[in-house]
């Protein structure tokens, strides 16, 4: 009977601990999501040709977005500029596809969507809802490319993640806890043992 009481108390304590940990993780994800704007380009498929077209569209739009955001002073400016220029960016993406000889359609939108956990090198962005400029080419079923437009941090590619610009920008807009969460190198795992 005493063993059952101990097990019940232990179980309740563990449940409270897990609940608090999950709540804290959700709060950190929401803080990160509230301070960044992602850029996401989804290829039609994983065929080599489709992946090459994706990179061409990415390069074209990154150039155009860079020009548009030269006057952006903060997060809200960035959002406003992107939202008001989706038609222009859509046209640029369409032109790029035509020049590449692709018959795929493309959509460019500014939206809030769910993103899974993204691990690149030492950087881990938690899963959750994020605002993003999203580009969907064709069926949008191929591997994607992404970066952050605010603060301006972009990875050259998924296989060789290198920040192209100083990652201290991210540390300036996030709390220490949120910044440390992104830079964590391994997940902390808790195990319970009976002695």
N, C-alpha and C. Protein backbone atom coordinates (compact mmCIF):
# COMPACT_ATOMS: atom_id res chain seq x y z
N UNK A 1 0.82 -1.19 0.00
CA UNK A 1 0.00 0.00 0.00
C UNK A 1 0.87 1.26 0.00
N UNK A 2 1.94 1.23 0.80
CA UNK A 2 2.84 2.39 0.85
C UNK A 2 3.50 2.59 -0.51
N UNK A 3 3.87 1.47 -1.16
CA UNK A 3 4.51 1.56 -2.48
C UNK A 3 3.58 2.24 -3.48
N UNK A 4 2.27 1.93 -3.40
CA UNK A 4 1.32 2.57 -4.32
C UNK A 4 1.21 4.07 -4.04
N UNK A 5 1.24 4.43 -2.77
CA UNK A 5 1.18 5.85 -2.40
C UNK A 5 2.40 6.60 -2.90
N UNK A 6 3.58 6.00 -2.75
CA UNK A 6 4.81 6.61 -3.23
C UNK A 6 4.76 6.75 -4.75
N UNK A 7 4.30 5.68 -5.43
CA UNK A 7 4.21 5.72 -6.89
C UNK A 7 3.24 6.80 -7.35
N UNK A 8 2.12 6.96 -6.64
CA UNK A 8 1.13 7.98 -7.00
C UNK A 8 1.72 9.39 -6.84
N UNK A 9 2.38 9.62 -5.71
CA UNK A 9 2.99 10.93 -5.47
C UNK A 9 4.07 11.20 -6.52
N UNK A 10 4.90 10.19 -6.80
CA UNK A 10 5.95 10.34 -7.81
C UNK A 10 5.34 10.64 -9.18
N UNK A 11 4.30 9.92 -9.54
CA UNK A 11 3.63 10.13 -10.83
C UNK A 11 3.04 11.52 -10.95
N UNK A 12 2.39 11.99 -9.88
CA UNK A 12 1.81 13.34 -9.90
C UNK A 12 2.90 14.40 -10.00
N UNK A 13 4.00 14.20 -9.28
CA UNK A 13 5.11 15.15 -9.34
C UNK A 13 5.70 15.19 -10.74
N UNK A 14 5.88 14.03 -11.35
CA UNK A 14 6.42 13.97 -12.71
C UNK A 14 5.48 14.64 -13.70
N UNK A 15 4.17 14.44 -13.53
CA UNK A 15 3.18 15.05 -14.43
C UNK A 15 3.22 16.57 -14.32
N UNK A 16 3.36 17.09 -13.11
CA UNK A 16 3.44 18.54 -12.92
C UNK A 16 4.72 19.07 -13.56
N UNK A 17 5.84 18.35 -13.35
CA UNK A 17 7.11 18.77 -13.93
C UNK A 17 7.03 18.80 -15.46
N UNK A 18 6.49 17.74 -16.06
CA UNK A 18 6.37 17.67 -17.52
C UNK A 18 5.46 18.78 -18.02
N UNK A 19 4.36 19.02 -17.33
CA UNK A 19 3.43 20.09 -17.72
C UNK A 19 4.09 21.45 -17.70
N UNK A 20 4.87 21.73 -16.65
CA UNK A 20 5.57 23.02 -16.57
C UNK A 20 6.63 23.14 -17.66
N UNK A 21 7.34 22.04 -17.93
CA UNK A 21 8.38 22.05 -18.96
C UNK A 21 7.76 22.29 -20.34
N UNK A 22 6.65 21.60 -20.63
CA UNK A 22 5.98 21.79 -21.92
C UNK A 22 5.43 23.20 -22.04
N UNK A 23 4.90 23.75 -20.96
CA UNK A 23 4.38 25.12 -20.98
C UNK A 23 5.49 26.13 -21.23
N UNK A 24 6.63 25.92 -20.61
CA UNK A 24 7.78 26.82 -20.81
C UNK A 24 8.28 26.73 -22.25
N UNK A 25 8.34 25.51 -22.79
CA UNK A 25 8.80 25.33 -24.17
C UNK A 25 7.85 26.02 -25.14
N UNK A 26 6.55 25.93 -24.89
CA UNK A 26 5.57 26.60 -25.76
C UNK A 26 5.73 28.11 -25.69
N UNK A 27 5.98 28.62 -24.49
CA UNK A 27 6.15 30.07 -24.32
C UNK A 27 7.41 30.55 -25.06
N UNK A 28 8.48 29.77 -25.00
CA UNK A 28 9.72 30.13 -25.70
C UNK A 28 9.48 30.12 -27.20
N UNK A 29 8.79 29.08 -27.71
CA UNK A 29 8.50 29.02 -29.15
C UNK A 29 7.68 30.22 -29.58
N UNK A 30 6.69 30.60 -28.79
CA UNK A 30 5.85 31.75 -29.13
C UNK A 30 6.66 33.04 -29.12
N UNK A 31 7.60 33.15 -28.20
CA UNK A 31 8.46 34.34 -28.19
C UNK A 31 9.30 34.41 -29.46
N UNK A 32 9.90 33.28 -29.82
CA UNK A 32 10.72 33.25 -31.03
C UNK A 32 9.86 33.59 -32.25
N UNK A 33 8.70 32.95 -32.34
CA UNK A 33 7.82 33.18 -33.49
C UNK A 33 7.36 34.63 -33.57
N UNK A 34 7.21 35.28 -32.43
CA UNK A 34 6.76 36.66 -32.42
C UNK A 34 7.83 37.66 -32.80
N UNK A 35 9.07 37.20 -32.94
CA UNK A 35 10.18 38.11 -33.23
C UNK A 35 10.87 37.84 -34.55
N UNK A 36 10.37 36.87 -35.32
CA UNK A 36 11.02 36.53 -36.57
C UNK A 36 10.02 36.45 -37.72
N UNK A 37 10.52 36.62 -38.93
CA UNK A 37 9.75 36.37 -40.14
C UNK A 37 10.58 35.41 -40.98
N UNK A 38 9.99 34.28 -41.32
CA UNK A 38 10.71 33.27 -42.09
C UNK A 38 10.45 33.43 -43.59
N UNK A 39 11.35 32.89 -44.37
CA UNK A 39 11.22 32.85 -45.82
C UNK A 39 11.34 31.38 -46.20
N UNK A 40 10.34 30.86 -46.90
CA UNK A 40 10.23 29.43 -47.13
C UNK A 40 9.93 29.18 -48.60
N UNK A 41 10.78 28.43 -49.27
CA UNK A 41 10.58 28.10 -50.68
C UNK A 41 10.46 26.59 -50.81
N UNK A 42 9.31 26.13 -51.30
CA UNK A 42 9.07 24.70 -51.46
C UNK A 42 9.14 24.33 -52.94
N UNK A 43 9.97 23.34 -53.24
CA UNK A 43 10.13 22.88 -54.62
C UNK A 43 8.95 22.02 -55.04
N UNK A 44 8.73 21.92 -56.34
CA UNK A 44 7.68 21.06 -56.88
C UNK A 44 7.88 19.62 -56.43
N UNK A 45 9.11 19.13 -56.54
CA UNK A 45 9.41 17.74 -56.16
C UNK A 45 10.89 17.67 -55.79
N UNK A 46 11.37 16.46 -55.55
CA UNK A 46 12.78 16.27 -55.25
C UNK A 46 13.61 15.93 -56.49
N UNK A 47 13.00 15.98 -57.66
CA UNK A 47 13.77 15.78 -58.88
C UNK A 47 14.85 16.86 -58.96
N UNK A 48 16.00 16.50 -59.51
CA UNK A 48 17.13 17.43 -59.59
C UNK A 48 16.71 18.72 -60.28
N UNK A 49 15.96 18.62 -61.37
CA UNK A 49 15.54 19.81 -62.12
C UNK A 49 14.68 20.73 -61.25
N UNK A 50 13.76 20.13 -60.49
CA UNK A 50 12.88 20.93 -59.65
C UNK A 50 13.64 21.60 -58.52
N UNK A 51 14.64 20.91 -57.99
CA UNK A 51 15.45 21.51 -56.93
C UNK A 51 16.30 22.66 -57.48
N UNK A 52 16.78 22.52 -58.70
CA UNK A 52 17.55 23.61 -59.32
C UNK A 52 16.66 24.83 -59.55
N UNK A 53 15.44 24.60 -60.02
CA UNK A 53 14.50 25.71 -60.24
C UNK A 53 14.19 26.39 -58.91
N UNK A 54 14.01 25.60 -57.87
CA UNK A 54 13.75 26.17 -56.54
C UNK A 54 14.86 27.14 -56.14
N UNK A 55 16.10 26.75 -56.35
CA UNK A 55 17.23 27.60 -55.98
C UNK A 55 17.27 28.87 -56.82
N UNK A 56 16.91 28.75 -58.09
CA UNK A 56 16.87 29.94 -58.95
C UNK A 56 15.80 30.93 -58.45
N UNK A 57 14.63 30.40 -58.11
CA UNK A 57 13.55 31.25 -57.60
C UNK A 57 13.97 31.88 -56.27
N UNK A 58 14.58 31.08 -55.42
CA UNK A 58 15.06 31.59 -54.12
C UNK A 58 16.02 32.74 -54.31
N UNK A 59 17.00 32.59 -55.21
CA UNK A 59 17.98 33.64 -55.44
C UNK A 59 17.32 34.92 -55.97
N UNK A 60 16.42 34.75 -56.93
CA UNK A 60 15.72 35.92 -57.51
C UNK A 60 14.94 36.66 -56.42
N UNK A 61 14.18 35.90 -55.64
CA UNK A 61 13.34 36.56 -54.63
C UNK A 61 14.16 37.13 -53.48
N UNK A 62 15.24 36.47 -53.12
CA UNK A 62 16.09 37.04 -52.06
C UNK A 62 16.67 38.38 -52.50
N UNK A 63 17.05 38.48 -53.77
CA UNK A 63 17.54 39.77 -54.29
C UNK A 63 16.46 40.83 -54.20
N UNK A 64 15.24 40.49 -54.66
CA UNK A 64 14.14 41.46 -54.67
C UNK A 64 13.73 41.84 -53.24
N UNK A 65 13.66 40.85 -52.37
CA UNK A 65 13.29 41.13 -50.97
C UNK A 65 14.35 41.99 -50.32
N UNK A 66 15.62 41.71 -50.61
CA UNK A 66 16.71 42.53 -50.06
C UNK A 66 16.56 43.99 -50.45
N UNK A 67 16.21 44.23 -51.71
CA UNK A 67 15.99 45.60 -52.17
C UNK A 67 14.80 46.24 -51.45
N UNK A 68 13.72 45.47 -51.33
CA UNK A 68 12.51 46.00 -50.69
C UNK A 68 12.74 46.34 -49.22
N UNK A 69 13.53 45.52 -48.54
CA UNK A 69 13.70 45.68 -47.10
C UNK A 69 14.83 46.62 -46.70
N UNK A 70 15.47 47.26 -47.69
CA UNK A 70 16.55 48.18 -47.35
C UNK A 70 16.10 49.30 -46.42
N UNK A 71 14.85 49.70 -46.53
CA UNK A 71 14.34 50.80 -45.69
C UNK A 71 13.63 50.32 -44.43
N UNK A 72 13.49 49.02 -44.27
CA UNK A 72 12.79 48.49 -43.09
C UNK A 72 13.61 48.75 -41.83
N UNK A 73 12.96 49.34 -40.85
CA UNK A 73 13.66 49.68 -39.61
C UNK A 73 13.45 48.66 -38.50
N UNK A 74 12.36 47.89 -38.58
CA UNK A 74 12.06 46.95 -37.52
C UNK A 74 11.15 45.84 -38.02
N UNK A 75 10.70 45.01 -37.12
CA UNK A 75 9.86 43.86 -37.45
C UNK A 75 8.57 44.28 -38.14
N UNK A 76 7.91 45.30 -37.62
CA UNK A 76 6.64 45.73 -38.21
C UNK A 76 6.82 46.28 -39.61
N UNK A 77 7.89 47.06 -39.83
CA UNK A 77 8.20 47.54 -41.19
C UNK A 77 8.40 46.36 -42.14
N UNK A 78 9.14 45.37 -41.68
CA UNK A 78 9.41 44.19 -42.50
C UNK A 78 8.11 43.50 -42.90
N UNK A 79 7.24 43.29 -41.93
CA UNK A 79 5.95 42.64 -42.22
C UNK A 79 5.13 43.45 -43.21
N UNK A 80 5.03 44.75 -42.97
CA UNK A 80 4.23 45.61 -43.85
C UNK A 80 4.75 45.59 -45.28
N UNK A 81 6.05 45.69 -45.44
CA UNK A 81 6.65 45.71 -46.77
C UNK A 81 6.40 44.39 -47.49
N UNK A 82 6.60 43.28 -46.79
CA UNK A 82 6.39 41.98 -47.43
C UNK A 82 4.93 41.77 -47.81
N UNK A 83 4.03 42.11 -46.90
CA UNK A 83 2.59 41.94 -47.19
C UNK A 83 2.14 42.77 -48.38
N UNK A 84 2.66 43.98 -48.49
CA UNK A 84 2.22 44.87 -49.57
C UNK A 84 2.92 44.59 -50.90
N UNK A 85 3.88 43.66 -50.91
CA UNK A 85 4.60 43.38 -52.14
C UNK A 85 4.50 41.92 -52.60
N UNK A 86 3.52 41.18 -52.09
CA UNK A 86 3.40 39.78 -52.50
C UNK A 86 3.08 39.64 -53.99
N UNK A 87 2.28 40.55 -54.54
CA UNK A 87 1.96 40.47 -55.98
C UNK A 87 3.22 40.70 -56.82
N UNK A 88 4.02 41.67 -56.43
CA UNK A 88 5.28 41.93 -57.13
C UNK A 88 6.20 40.72 -57.05
N UNK A 89 6.32 40.12 -55.87
CA UNK A 89 7.19 38.96 -55.70
C UNK A 89 6.63 37.75 -56.45
N UNK A 90 5.32 37.64 -56.51
CA UNK A 90 4.67 36.58 -57.29
C UNK A 90 5.07 36.71 -58.76
N UNK A 91 5.00 37.92 -59.29
CA UNK A 91 5.36 38.15 -60.69
C UNK A 91 6.83 37.82 -60.94
N UNK A 92 7.69 38.21 -60.00
CA UNK A 92 9.12 37.90 -60.13
C UNK A 92 9.36 36.39 -60.13
N UNK A 93 8.65 35.67 -59.27
CA UNK A 93 8.79 34.21 -59.23
C UNK A 93 8.31 33.59 -60.55
N UNK A 94 7.18 34.09 -61.06
CA UNK A 94 6.67 33.58 -62.34
C UNK A 94 7.65 33.84 -63.47
N UNK A 95 8.22 35.03 -63.50
CA UNK A 95 9.22 35.36 -64.53
C UNK A 95 10.43 34.44 -64.43
N UNK A 96 10.84 34.15 -63.23
CA UNK A 96 12.00 33.28 -63.02
C UNK A 96 11.70 31.88 -63.54
N UNK A 97 10.51 31.37 -63.28
CA UNK A 97 10.14 30.04 -63.76
C UNK A 97 10.11 30.00 -65.29
N UNK A 98 9.57 31.04 -65.89
CA UNK A 98 9.54 31.11 -67.36
C UNK A 98 10.96 31.10 -67.92
N UNK A 99 11.84 31.90 -67.34
CA UNK A 99 13.23 31.96 -67.79
C UNK A 99 13.94 30.63 -67.62
N UNK A 100 13.53 29.87 -66.59
CA UNK A 100 14.15 28.57 -66.33
C UNK A 100 13.55 27.47 -67.21
N UNK A 101 12.51 27.82 -67.98
CA UNK A 101 11.87 26.83 -68.84
C UNK A 101 10.90 25.92 -68.10
N UNK A 102 10.49 26.31 -66.92
CA UNK A 102 9.56 25.51 -66.13
C UNK A 102 8.12 25.89 -66.45
N UNK A 103 7.27 24.89 -66.50
CA UNK A 103 5.84 25.13 -66.71
C UNK A 103 5.06 25.07 -65.40
N UNK A 104 5.76 24.93 -64.28
CA UNK A 104 5.10 24.87 -62.98
C UNK A 104 4.49 26.22 -62.63
N UNK A 105 3.39 26.17 -61.90
CA UNK A 105 2.83 27.38 -61.34
C UNK A 105 3.57 27.73 -60.05
N UNK A 106 3.30 28.90 -59.52
CA UNK A 106 3.94 29.32 -58.27
C UNK A 106 2.99 30.24 -57.52
N UNK A 107 2.99 30.13 -56.21
CA UNK A 107 2.23 31.07 -55.38
C UNK A 107 3.17 31.67 -54.35
N UNK A 108 3.02 32.96 -54.15
CA UNK A 108 3.80 33.68 -53.15
C UNK A 108 2.78 34.31 -52.20
N UNK A 109 2.92 34.02 -50.92
CA UNK A 109 1.97 34.56 -49.95
C UNK A 109 2.68 34.87 -48.64
N UNK A 110 2.07 35.78 -47.89
CA UNK A 110 2.55 36.06 -46.53
C UNK A 110 1.52 35.43 -45.62
N UNK A 111 1.94 34.48 -44.81
CA UNK A 111 0.97 33.73 -44.01
C UNK A 111 1.59 33.24 -42.70
N UNK A 112 0.71 32.81 -41.84
CA UNK A 112 1.13 32.14 -40.62
C UNK A 112 0.85 30.66 -40.82
N UNK A 113 1.85 29.84 -40.58
CA UNK A 113 1.69 28.42 -40.81
C UNK A 113 2.53 27.64 -39.80
N UNK A 114 2.21 26.36 -39.69
CA UNK A 114 2.94 25.48 -38.78
C UNK A 114 4.22 25.00 -39.47
N UNK A 115 5.32 25.09 -38.75
CA UNK A 115 6.60 24.58 -39.23
C UNK A 115 7.09 23.53 -38.24
N UNK A 116 7.61 22.41 -38.72
CA UNK A 116 8.20 21.42 -37.81
C UNK A 116 9.52 21.93 -37.25
N UNK A 117 10.09 21.19 -36.32
CA UNK A 117 11.40 21.53 -35.78
C UNK A 117 12.40 21.57 -36.93
N UNK A 118 13.23 22.58 -36.95
CA UNK A 118 14.26 22.69 -37.98
C UNK A 118 15.62 22.68 -37.29
N UNK A 119 16.43 21.69 -37.59
CA UNK A 119 17.79 21.57 -37.06
C UNK A 119 18.79 21.81 -38.17
N UNK A 120 19.64 22.79 -37.99
CA UNK A 120 20.70 23.07 -38.94
C UNK A 120 21.97 23.35 -38.14
N UNK A 121 22.91 22.43 -38.20
CA UNK A 121 24.12 22.62 -37.43
C UNK A 121 23.79 22.73 -35.95
N UNK A 122 24.24 23.79 -35.34
CA UNK A 122 24.00 24.00 -33.91
C UNK A 122 22.68 24.74 -33.64
N UNK A 123 21.92 25.05 -34.67
CA UNK A 123 20.71 25.86 -34.52
C UNK A 123 19.47 24.99 -34.58
N UNK A 124 18.61 25.15 -33.60
CA UNK A 124 17.36 24.40 -33.55
C UNK A 124 16.21 25.37 -33.37
N UNK A 125 15.33 25.44 -34.37
CA UNK A 125 14.14 26.27 -34.26
C UNK A 125 12.98 25.38 -33.90
N UNK A 126 12.31 25.65 -32.78
CA UNK A 126 11.24 24.75 -32.32
C UNK A 126 10.04 24.75 -33.26
N UNK A 127 9.34 23.64 -33.26
CA UNK A 127 8.12 23.51 -34.06
C UNK A 127 7.07 24.49 -33.54
N UNK A 128 6.22 24.95 -34.45
CA UNK A 128 5.13 25.83 -34.05
C UNK A 128 4.68 26.73 -35.18
N UNK A 129 3.82 27.65 -34.85
CA UNK A 129 3.28 28.61 -35.81
C UNK A 129 4.25 29.77 -35.98
N UNK A 130 4.56 30.10 -37.24
CA UNK A 130 5.45 31.21 -37.56
C UNK A 130 4.86 32.01 -38.72
N UNK A 131 5.15 33.30 -38.76
CA UNK A 131 4.80 34.11 -39.92
C UNK A 131 5.91 33.94 -40.93
N UNK A 132 5.51 33.86 -42.22
CA UNK A 132 6.51 33.60 -43.25
C UNK A 132 6.05 34.11 -44.60
N UNK A 133 7.03 34.47 -45.41
CA UNK A 133 6.81 34.68 -46.83
C UNK A 133 7.04 33.29 -47.43
N UNK A 134 5.96 32.71 -47.99
CA UNK A 134 6.04 31.34 -48.49
C UNK A 134 5.90 31.32 -50.00
N UNK A 135 6.76 30.53 -50.63
CA UNK A 135 6.76 30.36 -52.07
C UNK A 135 6.55 28.87 -52.33
N UNK A 136 5.46 28.56 -53.01
CA UNK A 136 5.15 27.16 -53.33
C UNK A 136 5.20 26.98 -54.83
N UNK A 137 6.14 26.17 -55.28
CA UNK A 137 6.33 25.92 -56.70
C UNK A 137 5.65 24.61 -57.06
N UNK A 138 4.79 24.65 -58.08
CA UNK A 138 4.09 23.44 -58.53
C UNK A 138 3.33 22.78 -57.42
N UNK A 139 3.59 21.49 -57.21
CA UNK A 139 2.90 20.72 -56.16
C UNK A 139 3.47 20.98 -54.77
N UNK A 140 4.59 21.67 -54.69
CA UNK A 140 5.24 22.02 -53.42
C UNK A 140 5.46 20.79 -52.54
N UNK A 141 5.95 19.71 -53.16
CA UNK A 141 6.16 18.46 -52.42
C UNK A 141 7.63 18.08 -52.31
N UNK A 142 8.51 18.98 -52.75
CA UNK A 142 9.93 18.68 -52.68
C UNK A 142 10.59 19.30 -51.46
N UNK A 143 11.86 18.99 -51.28
CA UNK A 143 12.61 19.58 -50.18
C UNK A 143 12.57 21.10 -50.31
N UNK A 144 12.57 21.73 -49.17
CA UNK A 144 12.45 23.18 -49.16
C UNK A 144 13.76 23.85 -48.77
N UNK A 145 13.75 25.14 -48.93
CA UNK A 145 14.85 26.00 -48.50
C UNK A 145 14.25 27.08 -47.63
N UNK A 146 14.95 27.48 -46.59
CA UNK A 146 14.39 28.53 -45.73
C UNK A 146 15.48 29.38 -45.13
N UNK A 147 15.06 30.55 -44.71
CA UNK A 147 15.92 31.43 -43.91
C UNK A 147 15.00 32.38 -43.15
N UNK A 148 15.58 33.32 -42.44
CA UNK A 148 14.78 34.33 -41.75
C UNK A 148 15.04 35.68 -42.38
N UNK A 149 13.95 36.34 -42.71
CA UNK A 149 14.06 37.67 -43.28
C UNK A 149 14.18 38.73 -42.19
N UNK A 150 13.66 38.41 -41.02
CA UNK A 150 13.84 39.30 -39.87
C UNK A 150 14.04 38.46 -38.63
N UNK A 151 15.10 38.69 -37.87
CA UNK A 151 16.27 39.45 -38.31
C UNK A 151 16.92 38.72 -39.48
N UNK A 152 17.67 39.42 -40.25
CA UNK A 152 18.20 38.89 -41.51
C UNK A 152 19.27 37.84 -41.23
N UNK A 153 18.86 36.57 -41.25
CA UNK A 153 19.77 35.45 -41.06
C UNK A 153 19.41 34.39 -42.08
N UNK A 154 20.32 34.01 -42.92
CA UNK A 154 20.01 33.01 -43.93
C UNK A 154 21.07 31.92 -43.96
N UNK A 155 20.60 30.69 -44.13
CA UNK A 155 21.49 29.56 -44.30
C UNK A 155 21.72 29.34 -45.78
N UNK A 156 22.96 29.10 -46.17
CA UNK A 156 23.25 28.87 -47.59
C UNK A 156 22.52 27.65 -48.10
N UNK A 157 22.52 26.56 -47.34
CA UNK A 157 21.76 25.39 -47.72
C UNK A 157 21.60 24.48 -46.52
N UNK A 158 20.75 23.48 -46.66
CA UNK A 158 20.42 22.61 -45.54
C UNK A 158 21.56 21.66 -45.19
N UNK A 159 22.41 21.32 -46.16
CA UNK A 159 23.49 20.38 -45.90
C UNK A 159 24.71 21.04 -45.27
N UNK A 160 24.93 22.32 -45.56
CA UNK A 160 26.07 23.04 -45.03
C UNK A 160 25.60 24.33 -44.36
N UNK A 161 24.98 24.21 -43.19
CA UNK A 161 24.40 25.40 -42.57
C UNK A 161 25.45 26.36 -42.05
N UNK A 162 25.52 27.50 -42.67
CA UNK A 162 26.44 28.55 -42.25
C UNK A 162 25.65 29.85 -42.28
N UNK A 163 25.67 30.57 -41.19
CA UNK A 163 24.98 31.85 -41.19
C UNK A 163 25.73 32.81 -42.08
N UNK A 164 25.01 33.43 -42.99
CA UNK A 164 25.64 34.36 -43.91
C UNK A 164 25.90 35.70 -43.24
N UNK A 165 25.14 35.99 -42.22
CA UNK A 165 25.33 37.26 -41.52
C UNK A 165 25.50 36.97 -40.04
N UNK A 166 25.83 37.97 -39.30
CA UNK A 166 26.13 37.85 -37.87
C UNK A 166 24.91 37.38 -37.09
N UNK A 167 25.03 36.23 -36.42
CA UNK A 167 23.88 35.69 -35.69
C UNK A 167 23.58 36.46 -34.41
N UNK A 168 24.36 37.45 -34.05
CA UNK A 168 24.08 38.25 -32.86
C UNK A 168 22.78 39.04 -33.04
N UNK A 169 22.35 39.25 -34.28
CA UNK A 169 21.09 39.96 -34.52
C UNK A 169 19.94 39.24 -33.83
N UNK A 170 19.95 37.93 -33.88
CA UNK A 170 18.89 37.15 -33.26
C UNK A 170 18.93 37.29 -31.75
N UNK A 171 20.12 37.29 -31.19
CA UNK A 171 20.27 37.46 -29.75
C UNK A 171 19.77 38.80 -29.25
N UNK A 172 19.73 39.80 -30.12
CA UNK A 172 19.27 41.13 -29.72
C UNK A 172 17.75 41.24 -29.64
N UNK A 173 17.02 40.36 -30.34
CA UNK A 173 15.56 40.45 -30.32
C UNK A 173 14.90 39.40 -29.44
N UNK A 174 15.69 38.46 -28.89
CA UNK A 174 15.14 37.39 -28.06
C UNK A 174 15.68 37.47 -26.64
N UNK A 175 14.93 36.89 -25.72
CA UNK A 175 15.42 36.76 -24.35
C UNK A 175 16.57 35.75 -24.36
N UNK A 176 17.34 35.74 -23.29
CA UNK A 176 18.46 34.80 -23.19
C UNK A 176 17.96 33.36 -23.28
N UNK A 177 16.82 33.07 -22.63
CA UNK A 177 16.29 31.70 -22.64
C UNK A 177 15.91 31.27 -24.06
N UNK A 178 15.23 32.15 -24.81
CA UNK A 178 14.84 31.81 -26.18
C UNK A 178 16.06 31.66 -27.07
N UNK A 179 17.03 32.55 -26.92
CA UNK A 179 18.24 32.47 -27.73
C UNK A 179 19.01 31.19 -27.43
N UNK A 180 19.12 30.86 -26.15
CA UNK A 180 19.81 29.62 -25.75
C UNK A 180 19.08 28.40 -26.29
N UNK A 181 17.75 28.45 -26.36
CA UNK A 181 16.97 27.34 -26.90
C UNK A 181 17.33 27.09 -28.35
N UNK A 182 17.47 28.13 -29.13
CA UNK A 182 17.81 27.99 -30.55
C UNK A 182 19.22 27.45 -30.72
N UNK A 183 20.12 27.84 -29.84
CA UNK A 183 21.52 27.43 -29.96
C UNK A 183 21.84 26.12 -29.25
N UNK A 184 20.85 25.47 -28.67
CA UNK A 184 21.16 24.23 -27.95
C UNK A 184 21.73 23.20 -28.89
N UNK A 185 22.69 22.46 -28.40
CA UNK A 185 23.37 21.49 -29.25
C UNK A 185 22.79 20.10 -29.09
N UNK A 186 22.10 19.84 -28.02
CA UNK A 186 21.47 18.55 -27.86
C UNK A 186 20.28 18.71 -26.93
N UNK A 187 19.32 17.82 -27.09
CA UNK A 187 18.13 17.87 -26.25
C UNK A 187 18.45 17.34 -24.87
N UNK A 188 17.89 17.99 -23.86
CA UNK A 188 18.01 17.52 -22.50
C UNK A 188 16.95 16.46 -22.31
N UNK A 189 17.34 15.30 -21.82
CA UNK A 189 16.37 14.23 -21.61
C UNK A 189 16.37 13.87 -20.13
N UNK A 190 15.18 13.70 -19.61
CA UNK A 190 15.03 13.33 -18.22
C UNK A 190 14.62 11.87 -18.15
N UNK A 191 15.29 11.12 -17.30
CA UNK A 191 14.89 9.73 -17.09
C UNK A 191 14.68 9.52 -15.60
N UNK A 192 13.75 8.65 -15.28
CA UNK A 192 13.45 8.34 -13.89
C UNK A 192 13.78 6.87 -13.66
N UNK A 193 14.44 6.60 -12.57
CA UNK A 193 14.80 5.22 -12.27
C UNK A 193 14.30 4.86 -10.88
N UNK A 194 13.91 3.62 -10.76
CA UNK A 194 13.50 3.09 -9.44
C UNK A 194 14.71 2.43 -8.82
N UNK A 195 14.94 2.78 -7.57
CA UNK A 195 16.06 2.15 -6.86
C UNK A 195 15.52 1.18 -5.84
